[in-house]
Amino acid sequence: MSITIGMRDLVRNSSVLSQHDLIDIEDKRTHQYKGVFVSAVHAQKVKDFVEQTIEAEKQQRLDEIMSMAGTMSIHPQFNNMSSKKLRRARAEKYQE
């Protein structure tokens, strides 16, 4: 069971928290949605869901970064060369 109330109403009557499963908070003047309170019965489920959602978003951002990070590859013949040898090989290639 859910209800929509203002923050002032919640402060005046906190027993509403024990009577409802979900309480939507809105600003009574602007009718702007401010947030939600969840009863203690469902709090752990909501917390787990939010944590999973945040973790999935972080993983998605990391996957996007890693997909770009691996786009530059070195030709296998240059894998074990030092920077000095790489500069010499480049100089030889472009001098000809």
Protein backbone atom coordinates (compact mmCIF):
# COMPACT_ATOMS: atom_id res chain seq x y z
CA MET A 1 0.00 0.00 0.00
CA SER A 2 1.42 3.41 -0.93
CA ILE A 3 0.64 7.02 -0.21
CA THR A 4 1.88 10.41 -1.43
CA ILE A 5 2.47 13.04 1.24
CA GLY A 6 4.50 16.17 1.81
CA MET A 7 7.61 16.35 3.95
CA ARG A 8 5.87 18.54 6.52
CA ASP A 9 3.09 15.95 6.90
CA LEU A 10 5.68 13.24 7.45
CA VAL A 11 7.39 15.27 10.17
CA ARG A 12 4.10 15.91 11.94
CA ASN A 13 2.95 12.28 11.80
CA SER A 14 5.77 9.73 11.60
CA SER A 15 3.40 6.84 12.35
CA VAL A 16 2.60 6.88 8.62
CA LEU A 17 5.90 5.02 8.14
CA SER A 18 4.60 1.95 9.96
CA GLN A 19 1.20 2.02 8.25
CA HIS A 20 2.32 1.97 4.61
CA ASP A 21 4.80 -0.03 2.54
CA LEU A 22 5.77 2.82 0.23
CA ILE A 23 5.57 6.57 0.86
CA ASP A 24 6.15 9.03 -1.99
CA ILE A 25 7.35 12.46 -0.90
CA GLU A 26 6.47 15.52 -2.95
CA ASP A 27 6.74 19.25 -2.52
CA LYS A 28 3.19 20.44 -1.95
CA ARG A 29 3.79 23.90 -3.45
CA THR A 30 5.58 22.93 -6.69
CA HIS A 31 4.30 19.35 -6.90
CA GLN A 32 7.88 18.25 -7.53
CA TYR A 33 8.73 14.65 -6.66
CA LYS A 34 11.35 14.54 -3.89
CA GLY A 35 11.84 10.88 -3.09
CA VAL A 36 10.47 7.74 -1.54
CA PHE A 37 10.43 6.01 1.83
CA VAL A 38 10.24 2.23 1.99
CA SER A 39 9.02 0.27 4.99
CA ALA A 40 11.51 -1.78 6.97
CA VAL A 41 9.95 -4.99 5.61
CA HIS A 42 11.05 -4.20 2.05
CA ALA A 43 14.13 -2.07 2.79
CA GLN A 44 16.74 -4.80 2.31
CA LYS A 45 15.28 -5.87 -1.05
CA VAL A 46 15.29 -2.28 -2.29
CA LYS A 47 18.83 -1.72 -1.01
CA ASP A 48 20.08 -4.87 -2.78
CA PHE A 49 18.36 -3.83 -6.01
CA VAL A 50 19.87 -0.34 -5.91
CA GLU A 51 23.35 -1.73 -5.20
CA GLN A 52 23.04 -4.17 -8.13
CA THR A 53 21.89 -1.36 -10.42
CA ILE A 54 24.79 0.89 -9.41
CA GLU A 55 27.26 -1.97 -9.85
CA ALA A 56 25.85 -2.75 -13.32
CA GLU A 57 26.20 0.92 -14.36
CA LYS A 58 29.81 1.01 -13.12
CA GLN A 59 30.59 -2.21 -14.98
CA GLN A 60 29.02 -0.85 -18.17
CA ARG A 61 31.14 2.33 -17.99
CA LEU A 62 34.25 0.24 -17.32
CA ASP A 63 33.45 -2.03 -20.28
CA GLU A 64 33.09 1.02 -22.55
CA ILE A 65 36.48 2.34 -21.42
CA MET A 66 38.14 -1.07 -21.79
CA SER A 67 36.72 -1.51 -25.29
CA MET A 68 38.49 1.69 -26.35
CA ALA A 69 41.65 0.89 -24.39
CA GLY A 70 42.31 -2.29 -26.35
CA THR A 71 41.89 -0.78 -29.82
CA MET A 72 45.56 0.10 -30.22
CA SER A 73 47.62 -2.98 -30.96
CA ILE A 74 51.27 -3.47 -31.78
CA HIS A 75 52.38 -5.61 -34.66
CA PRO A 76 53.73 -8.92 -33.29
CA GLN A 77 57.23 -8.31 -34.66
CA PHE A 78 57.60 -5.30 -32.33
CA ASN A 79 56.26 -6.94 -29.14
CA ASN A 80 59.54 -7.53 -27.28
CA MET A 81 61.51 -4.50 -28.47
CA SER A 82 62.76 -1.74 -26.25
CA SER A 83 61.90 1.87 -27.04
CA LYS A 84 65.39 2.42 -28.41
CA LYS A 85 65.04 -0.49 -30.84
CA LEU A 86 61.55 0.70 -31.84
CA ARG A 87 62.89 4.18 -32.70
CA ARG A 88 65.71 2.62 -34.72
CA ALA A 89 63.24 0.37 -36.62
CA ARG A 90 61.00 3.35 -37.38
CA ALA A 91 63.95 5.39 -38.57
CA GLU A 92 65.07 2.58 -40.86
CA LYS A 93 61.58 2.16 -42.29
CA TYR A 94 61.00 5.81 -43.11
CA GLN A 95 64.53 6.61 -44.36
CA GLU A 96 64.15 4.32 -47.32
